[in-house]
Amino acid sequence: MRLFVGVEPSTEAVTVLDRLPRPQARQVRWLRPDQWHVTLRFLGRADPEQAREILAGWAAGEGFGGSSEGWKGLSATAVLGPATEVLGDTVVMVPVAGIDELAASVVAATAELGEQPDSRTFLGHLTLCRFVMEPPPNSVGRAVVTSFAVDAVTLFRSRNQPDGVAYEILDRFPLQGVAS
């Protein structure tokens, strides 16, 4: 089972993002709002029960991997924007700042789970669409300004479907000590 840990945008952030135009074009697949997320750590093939156990302890502020540190009620605010951008050769996304420390903590807690953690610097983003040849017209450079307090992390499963990848929520882990 292919798993990843991410953050779901707040209802208010979804409302802001949902106002962005989604021009239809050939070889473009827009993600539905219920599929929007910010990936903190891709786990790949991993045992969901082991992932749940590790994340539950981490979110409660318990130690992991020989460390005495868990989440410990640190706060994180996801700041989206300032505008949509192209990531790589196939993605239109919204940059997300303010959650680097959260991502690093998740990576540390799950280091022994699934695939080796990515060695690249964390690049917070929320994918809006995937394209093959070129981004849809008027989809890049659109202003986006919103933020939300992160009060939970989510364990997702990704499944390949005929029309693209679908993301299924397996569990949510409220961050102890963070007001929701």
N, C-alpha and C. Protein backbone atom coordinates (compact mmCIF):
# COMPACT_ATOMS: atom_id res chain seq x y z
N MET A 1 0.84 -1.17 0.00
CA MET A 1 0.00 0.00 0.00
C MET A 1 0.89 1.24 0.00
N ARG A 2 0.66 2.17 -0.93
CA ARG A 2 1.46 3.39 -1.03
C ARG A 2 0.85 4.46 -0.13
N LEU A 3 1.66 4.92 0.81
CA LEU A 3 1.18 5.87 1.82
C LEU A 3 1.97 7.16 1.79
N PHE A 4 1.35 8.22 2.31
CA PHE A 4 2.07 9.46 2.57
C PHE A 4 1.39 10.20 3.70
N VAL A 5 2.13 11.12 4.32
CA VAL A 5 1.62 11.94 5.41
C VAL A 5 1.49 13.36 4.88
N GLY A 6 0.36 13.98 5.15
CA GLY A 6 0.15 15.32 4.64
C GLY A 6 -0.72 16.15 5.56
N VAL A 7 -1.02 17.34 5.07
CA VAL A 7 -1.87 18.30 5.76
C VAL A 7 -3.02 18.64 4.83
N GLU A 8 -4.22 18.62 5.36
CA GLU A 8 -5.39 19.02 4.59
C GLU A 8 -5.63 20.51 4.77
N PRO A 9 -5.97 21.22 3.69
CA PRO A 9 -6.26 22.65 3.84
C PRO A 9 -7.56 22.86 4.62
N SER A 10 -7.65 23.98 5.30
CA SER A 10 -8.87 24.31 6.04
C SER A 10 -10.01 24.58 5.07
N THR A 11 -11.22 24.58 5.60
CA THR A 11 -12.40 24.89 4.79
C THR A 11 -12.26 26.27 4.15
N GLU A 12 -11.74 27.23 4.91
CA GLU A 12 -11.57 28.59 4.38
C GLU A 12 -10.55 28.61 3.25
N ALA A 13 -9.45 27.89 3.40
CA ALA A 13 -8.44 27.83 2.34
C ALA A 13 -9.00 27.17 1.09
N VAL A 14 -9.79 26.11 1.27
CA VAL A 14 -10.42 25.44 0.13
C VAL A 14 -11.34 26.41 -0.60
N THR A 15 -12.08 27.22 0.14
CA THR A 15 -12.98 28.20 -0.48
C THR A 15 -12.18 29.18 -1.34
N VAL A 16 -11.05 29.67 -0.83
CA VAL A 16 -10.21 30.60 -1.60
C VAL A 16 -9.67 29.90 -2.85
N LEU A 17 -9.14 28.70 -2.69
CA LEU A 17 -8.57 27.97 -3.83
C LEU A 17 -9.63 27.60 -4.85
N ASP A 18 -10.82 27.31 -4.38
CA ASP A 18 -11.90 26.90 -5.28
C ASP A 18 -12.36 28.03 -6.18
N ARG A 19 -12.02 29.28 -5.82
CA ARG A 19 -12.38 30.43 -6.66
C ARG A 19 -11.44 30.59 -7.86
N LEU A 20 -10.30 29.91 -7.82
CA LEU A 20 -9.36 30.02 -8.94
C LEU A 20 -9.97 29.41 -10.20
N PRO A 21 -9.73 30.03 -11.35
CA PRO A 21 -10.26 29.44 -12.59
C PRO A 21 -9.58 28.11 -12.88
N ARG A 22 -10.32 27.19 -13.46
CA ARG A 22 -9.78 25.89 -13.86
C ARG A 22 -10.08 25.67 -15.33
N PRO A 23 -9.36 26.39 -16.19
CA PRO A 23 -9.64 26.25 -17.62
C PRO A 23 -9.38 24.82 -18.10
N GLN A 24 -10.31 24.31 -18.87
CA GLN A 24 -10.15 22.97 -19.43
C GLN A 24 -9.21 23.03 -20.62
N ALA A 25 -8.38 22.05 -20.72
CA ALA A 25 -7.44 21.96 -21.84
C ALA A 25 -7.11 20.48 -22.04
N ARG A 26 -6.61 20.16 -23.21
CA ARG A 26 -6.23 18.78 -23.49
C ARG A 26 -5.08 18.37 -22.58
N GLN A 27 -5.13 17.14 -22.15
CA GLN A 27 -4.08 16.53 -21.35
C GLN A 27 -3.81 17.29 -20.05
N VAL A 28 -4.89 17.78 -19.45
CA VAL A 28 -4.82 18.46 -18.16
C VAL A 28 -5.81 17.77 -17.22
N ARG A 29 -5.36 17.49 -16.01
CA ARG A 29 -6.25 16.90 -15.00
C ARG A 29 -6.21 17.77 -13.75
N TRP A 30 -7.33 18.43 -13.48
CA TRP A 30 -7.45 19.24 -12.27
C TRP A 30 -7.82 18.34 -11.11
N LEU A 31 -7.18 18.53 -9.98
CA LEU A 31 -7.54 17.77 -8.79
C LEU A 31 -8.81 18.37 -8.19
N ARG A 32 -9.68 17.51 -7.70
CA ARG A 32 -10.88 17.97 -7.01
C ARG A 32 -10.49 18.52 -5.64
N PRO A 33 -11.26 19.47 -5.12
CA PRO A 33 -10.93 20.03 -3.80
C PRO A 33 -10.79 18.97 -2.71
N ASP A 34 -11.55 17.89 -2.78
CA ASP A 34 -11.44 16.86 -1.74
C ASP A 34 -10.14 16.07 -1.85
N GLN A 35 -9.36 16.30 -2.90
CA GLN A 35 -8.08 15.63 -3.09
C GLN A 35 -6.89 16.55 -2.76
N TRP A 36 -7.16 17.82 -2.47
CA TRP A 36 -6.09 18.78 -2.18
C TRP A 36 -5.43 18.46 -0.84
N HIS A 37 -4.13 18.59 -0.81
CA HIS A 37 -3.34 18.34 0.40
C HIS A 37 -1.94 18.91 0.18
N VAL A 38 -1.20 18.98 1.25
CA VAL A 38 0.23 19.33 1.19
C VAL A 38 0.98 18.12 1.74
N THR A 39 1.80 17.49 0.92
CA THR A 39 2.55 16.31 1.35
C THR A 39 3.70 16.74 2.26
N LEU A 40 3.77 16.11 3.43
CA LEU A 40 4.88 16.34 4.35
C LEU A 40 5.95 15.28 4.17
N ARG A 41 5.52 14.03 3.90
CA ARG A 41 6.48 12.94 3.72
C ARG A 41 5.82 11.82 2.95
N PHE A 42 6.44 11.42 1.83
CA PHE A 42 6.01 10.27 1.06
C PHE A 42 6.63 9.04 1.70
N LEU A 43 5.80 8.08 2.07
CA LEU A 43 6.28 6.86 2.70
C LEU A 43 6.46 5.72 1.71
N GLY A 44 5.72 5.77 0.59
CA GLY A 44 5.77 4.66 -0.36
C GLY A 44 5.07 3.45 0.23
N ARG A 45 5.57 2.28 -0.12
CA ARG A 45 4.97 1.03 0.40
C ARG A 45 5.32 0.90 1.88
N ALA A 46 4.29 0.91 2.69
CA ALA A 46 4.48 0.85 4.14
C ALA A 46 3.25 0.22 4.77
N ASP A 47 3.43 -0.29 5.96
CA ASP A 47 2.35 -0.90 6.73
C ASP A 47 1.51 0.21 7.35
N PRO A 48 0.21 0.29 7.00
CA PRO A 48 -0.61 1.38 7.55
C PRO A 48 -0.76 1.32 9.07
N GLU A 49 -0.79 0.13 9.64
CA GLU A 49 -0.92 0.02 11.10
C GLU A 49 0.33 0.54 11.81
N GLN A 50 1.48 0.23 11.26
CA GLN A 50 2.73 0.75 11.84
C GLN A 50 2.77 2.27 11.70
N ALA A 51 2.34 2.77 10.55
CA ALA A 51 2.30 4.22 10.33
C ALA A 51 1.36 4.88 11.33
N ARG A 52 0.19 4.29 11.54
CA ARG A 52 -0.77 4.84 12.51
C ARG A 52 -0.16 4.90 13.91
N GLU A 53 0.49 3.83 14.30
CA GLU A 53 1.09 3.77 15.64
C GLU A 53 2.15 4.86 15.83
N ILE A 54 3.03 5.00 14.85
CA ILE A 54 4.09 6.00 14.93
C ILE A 54 3.51 7.41 14.95
N LEU A 55 2.57 7.68 14.05
CA LEU A 55 2.00 9.03 13.95
C LEU A 55 1.15 9.39 15.17
N ALA A 56 0.44 8.43 15.72
CA ALA A 56 -0.36 8.70 16.92
C ALA A 56 0.55 9.11 18.08
N GLY A 57 1.64 8.39 18.26
CA GLY A 57 2.59 8.73 19.32
C GLY A 57 3.25 10.07 19.07
N TRP A 58 3.64 10.31 17.83
CA TRP A 58 4.28 11.58 17.47
C TRP A 58 3.33 12.75 17.71
N ALA A 59 2.08 12.63 17.25
CA ALA A 59 1.12 13.73 17.38
C ALA A 59 0.81 14.02 18.85
N ALA A 60 0.90 12.99 19.68
CA ALA A 60 0.64 13.17 21.12
C ALA A 60 1.85 13.72 21.86
N GLY A 61 2.96 13.89 21.14
CA GLY A 61 4.15 14.47 21.75
C GLY A 61 5.07 13.45 22.36
N GLU A 62 4.86 12.17 22.03
CA GLU A 62 5.72 11.12 22.57
C GLU A 62 7.01 11.03 21.76
N GLY A 63 8.00 10.40 22.32
CA GLY A 63 9.27 10.22 21.63
C GLY A 63 9.17 9.23 20.49
N PHE A 64 10.18 9.22 19.65
CA PHE A 64 10.24 8.30 18.51
C PHE A 64 11.69 8.03 18.20
N GLY A 65 11.96 6.88 17.66
CA GLY A 65 13.30 6.55 17.17
C GLY A 65 14.41 6.84 18.15
N GLY A 66 14.19 6.58 19.43
CA GLY A 66 15.25 6.82 20.41
C GLY A 66 15.33 8.26 20.88
N SER A 67 14.48 9.12 20.32
CA SER A 67 14.47 10.53 20.72
C SER A 67 13.39 10.73 21.78
N SER A 68 13.54 11.74 22.58
CA SER A 68 12.52 12.04 23.58
C SER A 68 11.56 13.11 23.08
N GLU A 69 11.73 13.52 21.84
CA GLU A 69 10.90 14.60 21.32
C GLU A 69 9.83 14.09 20.38
N GLY A 70 8.64 14.59 20.54
CA GLY A 70 7.56 14.36 19.61
C GLY A 70 7.14 15.72 19.09
N TRP A 71 5.88 15.89 18.81
CA TRP A 71 5.38 17.16 18.29
C TRP A 71 5.43 18.24 19.36
N LYS A 72 5.09 17.93 20.60
CA LYS A 72 5.19 18.83 21.75
C LYS A 72 4.42 20.14 21.61
N GLY A 73 3.33 20.15 20.85
CA GLY A 73 2.48 21.33 20.80
C GLY A 73 3.05 22.52 20.07
N LEU A 74 4.11 22.32 19.29
CA LEU A 74 4.60 23.42 18.47
C LEU A 74 3.47 23.84 17.53
N SER A 75 3.45 25.08 17.13
CA SER A 75 2.38 25.51 16.23
C SER A 75 2.92 25.64 14.82
N ALA A 76 2.02 25.44 13.87
CA ALA A 76 2.39 25.60 12.46
C ALA A 76 1.23 26.28 11.75
N THR A 77 1.56 27.29 10.97
CA THR A 77 0.56 27.94 10.14
C THR A 77 1.00 27.79 8.70
N ALA A 78 0.14 27.18 7.90
CA ALA A 78 0.42 27.01 6.47
C ALA A 78 0.01 28.30 5.76
N VAL A 79 0.96 28.91 5.06
CA VAL A 79 0.72 30.16 4.34
C VAL A 79 0.79 29.86 2.85
N LEU A 80 -0.34 29.99 2.16
CA LEU A 80 -0.41 29.69 0.74
C LEU A 80 -0.21 30.95 -0.07
N GLY A 81 0.54 30.82 -1.18
CA GLY A 81 0.72 31.94 -2.08
C GLY A 81 2.17 32.35 -2.20
N PRO A 82 2.44 33.43 -2.87
CA PRO A 82 1.51 34.49 -3.24
C PRO A 82 0.76 34.25 -4.55
N ALA A 83 1.21 33.27 -5.35
CA ALA A 83 0.55 33.03 -6.64
C ALA A 83 0.82 31.60 -7.09
N THR A 84 -0.01 31.13 -8.01
CA THR A 84 0.19 29.80 -8.57
C THR A 84 1.46 29.77 -9.40
N GLU A 85 2.12 28.60 -9.41
CA GLU A 85 3.38 28.42 -10.13
C GLU A 85 3.40 27.06 -10.80
N VAL A 86 4.36 26.89 -11.70
CA VAL A 86 4.62 25.57 -12.29
C VAL A 86 5.72 24.91 -11.46
N LEU A 87 5.52 23.65 -11.15
CA LEU A 87 6.52 22.85 -10.45
C LEU A 87 6.96 21.74 -11.40
N GLY A 88 8.24 21.69 -11.68
CA GLY A 88 8.73 20.69 -12.62
C GLY A 88 8.16 20.93 -14.01
N ASP A 89 7.84 19.85 -14.68
CA ASP A 89 7.33 19.95 -16.05
C ASP A 89 5.86 19.59 -16.17
N THR A 90 5.20 19.28 -15.03
CA THR A 90 3.85 18.73 -15.16
C THR A 90 2.84 19.19 -14.13
N VAL A 91 3.18 20.14 -13.27
CA VAL A 91 2.29 20.48 -12.15
C VAL A 91 2.08 21.99 -12.06
N VAL A 92 0.82 22.39 -11.87
CA VAL A 92 0.49 23.75 -11.46
C VAL A 92 0.14 23.65 -9.98
N MET A 93 0.79 24.48 -9.18
CA MET A 93 0.63 24.38 -7.72
C MET A 93 0.61 25.74 -7.07
N VAL A 94 0.24 25.71 -5.78
CA VAL A 94 0.33 26.89 -4.92
C VAL A 94 1.43 26.62 -3.91
N PRO A 95 2.43 27.50 -3.81
CA PRO A 95 3.47 27.32 -2.78
C PRO A 95 2.85 27.40 -1.38
N VAL A 96 3.42 26.63 -0.46
CA VAL A 96 2.96 26.63 0.93
C VAL A 96 4.18 26.80 1.83
N ALA A 97 4.20 27.88 2.58
CA ALA A 97 5.30 28.17 3.52
C ALA A 97 4.80 27.97 4.95
N GLY A 98 5.75 27.94 5.88
CA GLY A 98 5.40 27.92 7.29
C GLY A 98 5.29 26.54 7.92
N ILE A 99 5.48 25.48 7.12
CA ILE A 99 5.33 24.13 7.68
C ILE A 99 6.60 23.30 7.55
N ASP A 100 7.72 23.95 7.29
CA ASP A 100 8.99 23.23 7.14
C ASP A 100 9.36 22.46 8.41
N GLU A 101 9.19 23.10 9.57
CA GLU A 101 9.53 22.45 10.84
C GLU A 101 8.61 21.25 11.09
N LEU A 102 7.35 21.41 10.75
CA LEU A 102 6.39 20.31 10.87
C LEU A 102 6.82 19.15 9.98
N ALA A 103 7.16 19.44 8.73
CA ALA A 103 7.59 18.39 7.80
C ALA A 103 8.84 17.69 8.31
N ALA A 104 9.80 18.46 8.80
CA ALA A 104 11.04 17.86 9.32
C ALA A 104 10.76 16.95 10.51
N SER A 105 9.83 17.35 11.35
CA SER A 105 9.48 16.53 12.50
C SER A 105 8.80 15.23 12.07
N VAL A 106 7.92 15.31 11.07
CA VAL A 106 7.27 14.10 10.53
C VAL A 106 8.31 13.18 9.91
N VAL A 107 9.24 13.75 9.15
CA VAL A 107 10.30 12.95 8.52
C VAL A 107 11.12 12.23 9.59
N ALA A 108 11.49 12.94 10.64
CA ALA A 108 12.27 12.32 11.72
C ALA A 108 11.50 11.20 12.39
N ALA A 109 10.21 11.42 12.63
CA ALA A 109 9.40 10.42 13.32
C ALA A 109 9.19 9.17 12.47
N THR A 110 9.17 9.33 11.16
CA THR A 110 8.85 8.21 10.26
C THR A 110 10.07 7.71 9.48
N ALA A 111 11.25 8.10 9.90
CA ALA A 111 12.47 7.78 9.15
C ALA A 111 12.65 6.29 8.89
N GLU A 112 12.22 5.44 9.81
CA GLU A 112 12.40 4.00 9.66
C GLU A 112 11.20 3.34 8.97
N LEU A 113 10.25 4.11 8.54
CA LEU A 113 9.02 3.60 7.95
C LEU A 113 9.01 3.81 6.45
N GLY A 114 8.68 2.78 5.69
CA GLY A 114 8.56 2.92 4.24
C GLY A 114 9.88 3.21 3.57
N GLU A 115 9.81 3.99 2.49
CA GLU A 115 11.00 4.36 1.72
C GLU A 115 11.88 5.32 2.52
N GLN A 116 13.14 5.39 2.15
CA GLN A 116 14.05 6.36 2.75
C GLN A 116 13.49 7.76 2.53
N PRO A 117 13.57 8.63 3.53
CA PRO A 117 13.09 10.00 3.34
C PRO A 117 13.84 10.69 2.19
N ASP A 118 13.13 11.55 1.49
CA ASP A 118 13.70 12.30 0.38
C ASP A 118 14.82 13.20 0.91
N SER A 119 15.94 13.22 0.20
CA SER A 119 17.08 14.04 0.65
C SER A 119 16.97 15.49 0.18
N ARG A 120 16.02 15.77 -0.72
CA ARG A 120 15.86 17.14 -1.20
C ARG A 120 15.26 18.03 -0.11
N THR A 121 15.51 19.32 -0.21
CA THR A 121 14.92 20.29 0.69
C THR A 121 13.40 20.26 0.53
N PHE A 122 12.69 20.34 1.64
CA PHE A 122 11.23 20.33 1.62
C PHE A 122 10.72 21.52 0.82
N LEU A 123 9.79 21.26 -0.09
CA LEU A 123 9.15 22.31 -0.89
C LEU A 123 7.65 22.17 -0.71
N GLY A 124 7.11 22.90 0.26
CA GLY A 124 5.68 22.83 0.52
C GLY A 124 4.89 23.36 -0.66
N HIS A 125 3.92 22.57 -1.09
CA HIS A 125 3.06 23.01 -2.19
C HIS A 125 1.77 22.21 -2.19
N LEU A 126 0.75 22.78 -2.78
CA LEU A 126 -0.53 22.13 -2.96
C LEU A 126 -0.76 22.04 -4.46
N THR A 127 -0.86 20.83 -4.97
CA THR A 127 -1.04 20.61 -6.41
C THR A 127 -2.47 20.93 -6.80
N LEU A 128 -2.62 21.77 -7.83
CA LEU A 128 -3.94 22.09 -8.37
C LEU A 128 -4.25 21.24 -9.59
N CYS A 129 -3.25 21.07 -10.48
CA CYS A 129 -3.48 20.24 -11.67
C CYS A 129 -2.17 19.65 -12.17
N ARG A 130 -2.33 18.61 -12.96
CA ARG A 130 -1.22 17.98 -13.66
C ARG A 130 -1.48 18.13 -15.15
N PHE A 131 -0.41 18.38 -15.89
CA PHE A 131 -0.56 18.55 -17.34
C PHE A 131 0.55 17.79 -18.05
N VAL A 132 0.37 17.56 -19.36
CA VAL A 132 1.35 16.81 -20.13
C VAL A 132 2.24 17.75 -20.93
N MET A 133 1.67 18.59 -21.76
CA MET A 133 2.47 19.42 -22.66
C MET A 133 2.75 20.82 -22.11
N GLU A 134 1.70 21.49 -21.68
CA GLU A 134 1.85 22.85 -21.17
C GLU A 134 0.74 23.14 -20.17
N PRO A 135 0.98 24.07 -19.26
CA PRO A 135 -0.06 24.38 -18.28
C PRO A 135 -1.28 24.99 -18.96
N PRO A 136 -2.44 24.82 -18.37
CA PRO A 136 -3.64 25.42 -18.95
C PRO A 136 -3.50 26.94 -19.02
N PRO A 137 -4.13 27.57 -20.00
CA PRO A 137 -4.04 29.02 -20.11
C PRO A 137 -4.56 29.71 -18.84
N ASN A 138 -3.90 30.78 -18.46
CA ASN A 138 -4.29 31.60 -17.31
C ASN A 138 -4.28 30.85 -15.98
N SER A 139 -3.50 29.78 -15.89
CA SER A 139 -3.45 29.03 -14.63
C SER A 139 -2.22 29.37 -13.79
N VAL A 140 -1.23 30.01 -14.38
CA VAL A 140 0.01 30.33 -13.68
C VAL A 140 0.05 31.82 -13.37
N GLY A 141 0.48 32.17 -12.16
CA GLY A 141 0.57 33.57 -11.77
C GLY A 141 -0.71 34.11 -11.17
N ARG A 142 -1.67 33.24 -10.90
CA ARG A 142 -2.93 33.67 -10.28
C ARG A 142 -2.68 33.94 -8.80
N ALA A 143 -3.11 35.09 -8.33
CA ALA A 143 -2.90 35.46 -6.92
C ALA A 143 -3.66 34.52 -5.99
N VAL A 144 -2.97 34.09 -4.96
CA VAL A 144 -3.57 33.27 -3.90
C VAL A 144 -2.98 33.76 -2.59
N VAL A 145 -3.83 34.22 -1.70
CA VAL A 145 -3.36 34.66 -0.39
C VAL A 145 -4.33 34.11 0.65
N THR A 146 -3.87 33.12 1.38
CA THR A 146 -4.66 32.56 2.48
C THR A 146 -3.72 31.78 3.39
N SER A 147 -4.18 31.52 4.57
CA SER A 147 -3.38 30.72 5.51
C SER A 147 -4.33 29.96 6.42
N PHE A 148 -3.79 28.97 7.09
CA PHE A 148 -4.58 28.23 8.07
C PHE A 148 -3.67 27.60 9.10
N ALA A 149 -4.19 27.50 10.32
CA ALA A 149 -3.46 26.83 11.39
C ALA A 149 -3.55 25.33 11.16
N VAL A 150 -2.43 24.66 11.24
CA VAL A 150 -2.40 23.21 11.09
C VAL A 150 -2.71 22.60 12.45
N ASP A 151 -3.81 21.86 12.52
CA ASP A 151 -4.19 21.25 13.80
C ASP A 151 -4.16 19.73 13.75
N ALA A 152 -3.78 19.17 12.60
CA ALA A 152 -3.70 17.71 12.46
C ALA A 152 -2.84 17.37 11.26
N VAL A 153 -2.30 16.16 11.28
CA VAL A 153 -1.69 15.60 10.07
C VAL A 153 -2.53 14.40 9.67
N THR A 154 -2.47 14.06 8.40
CA THR A 154 -3.32 13.02 7.84
C THR A 154 -2.47 11.94 7.19
N LEU A 155 -2.85 10.69 7.41
CA LEU A 155 -2.23 9.56 6.72
C LEU A 155 -3.10 9.25 5.52
N PHE A 156 -2.50 9.32 4.34
CA PHE A 156 -3.21 9.07 3.09
C PHE A 156 -2.71 7.80 2.42
N ARG A 157 -3.57 7.20 1.63
CA ARG A 157 -3.18 6.12 0.72
C ARG A 157 -3.40 6.65 -0.69
N SER A 158 -2.44 6.42 -1.58
CA SER A 158 -2.63 6.82 -2.97
C SER A 158 -2.89 5.56 -3.80
N ARG A 159 -3.87 5.67 -4.68
CA ARG A 159 -4.24 4.55 -5.55
C ARG A 159 -4.30 5.04 -6.98
N ASN A 160 -3.70 4.26 -7.87
CA ASN A 160 -3.77 4.58 -9.29
C ASN A 160 -5.14 4.21 -9.81
N GLN A 161 -5.76 5.16 -10.51
CA GLN A 161 -7.07 4.98 -11.13
C GLN A 161 -6.91 5.21 -12.63
N PRO A 162 -7.87 4.77 -13.43
CA PRO A 162 -7.77 5.02 -14.88
C PRO A 162 -7.65 6.51 -15.23
N ASP A 163 -8.26 7.38 -14.41
CA ASP A 163 -8.23 8.82 -14.70
C ASP A 163 -7.20 9.56 -13.85
N GLY A 164 -6.25 8.85 -13.25
CA GLY A 164 -5.21 9.48 -12.45
C GLY A 164 -5.14 8.87 -11.06
N VAL A 165 -4.39 9.50 -10.20
CA VAL A 165 -4.21 9.01 -8.84
C VAL A 165 -5.32 9.55 -7.94
N ALA A 166 -5.83 8.70 -7.06
CA ALA A 166 -6.82 9.12 -6.07
C ALA A 166 -6.21 8.98 -4.69
N TYR A 167 -6.54 9.91 -3.81
CA TYR A 167 -6.00 9.92 -2.46
C TYR A 167 -7.12 9.60 -1.48
N GLU A 168 -6.88 8.62 -0.62
CA GLU A 168 -7.86 8.19 0.36
C GLU A 168 -7.31 8.47 1.76
N ILE A 169 -8.13 9.08 2.59
CA ILE A 169 -7.73 9.36 3.97
C ILE A 169 -7.87 8.08 4.78
N LEU A 170 -6.77 7.67 5.40
CA LEU A 170 -6.80 6.49 6.27
C LEU A 170 -7.00 6.89 7.73
N ASP A 171 -6.41 8.01 8.13
CA ASP A 171 -6.53 8.43 9.53
C ASP A 171 -6.06 9.87 9.67
N ARG A 172 -6.58 10.54 10.70
CA ARG A 172 -6.14 11.90 11.05
C ARG A 172 -5.58 11.87 12.46
N PHE A 173 -4.54 12.68 12.66
CA PHE A 173 -3.87 12.73 13.96
C PHE A 173 -3.85 14.16 14.45
N PRO A 174 -4.79 14.51 15.35
CA PRO A 174 -4.80 15.87 15.90
C PRO A 174 -3.49 16.15 16.63
N LEU A 175 -2.99 17.34 16.45
CA LEU A 175 -1.75 17.73 17.11
C LEU A 175 -2.08 18.21 18.51
N GLN A 176 -1.60 17.51 19.50
CA GLN A 176 -1.88 17.85 20.89
C GLN A 176 -1.30 19.22 21.22
N GLY A 177 -2.08 20.01 21.92
CA GLY A 177 -1.60 21.32 22.34
C GLY A 177 -1.81 22.40 21.30
N VAL A 178 -2.46 22.06 20.18
CA VAL A 178 -2.74 23.05 19.14
C VAL A 178 -4.23 23.29 19.14
N ALA A 179 -4.64 24.54 19.27
CA ALA A 179 -6.07 24.86 19.27
C ALA A 179 -6.65 24.60 17.90
N SER A 180 -7.81 23.94 17.85
CA SER A 180 -8.45 23.68 16.55
C SER A 180 -9.55 24.65 16.26
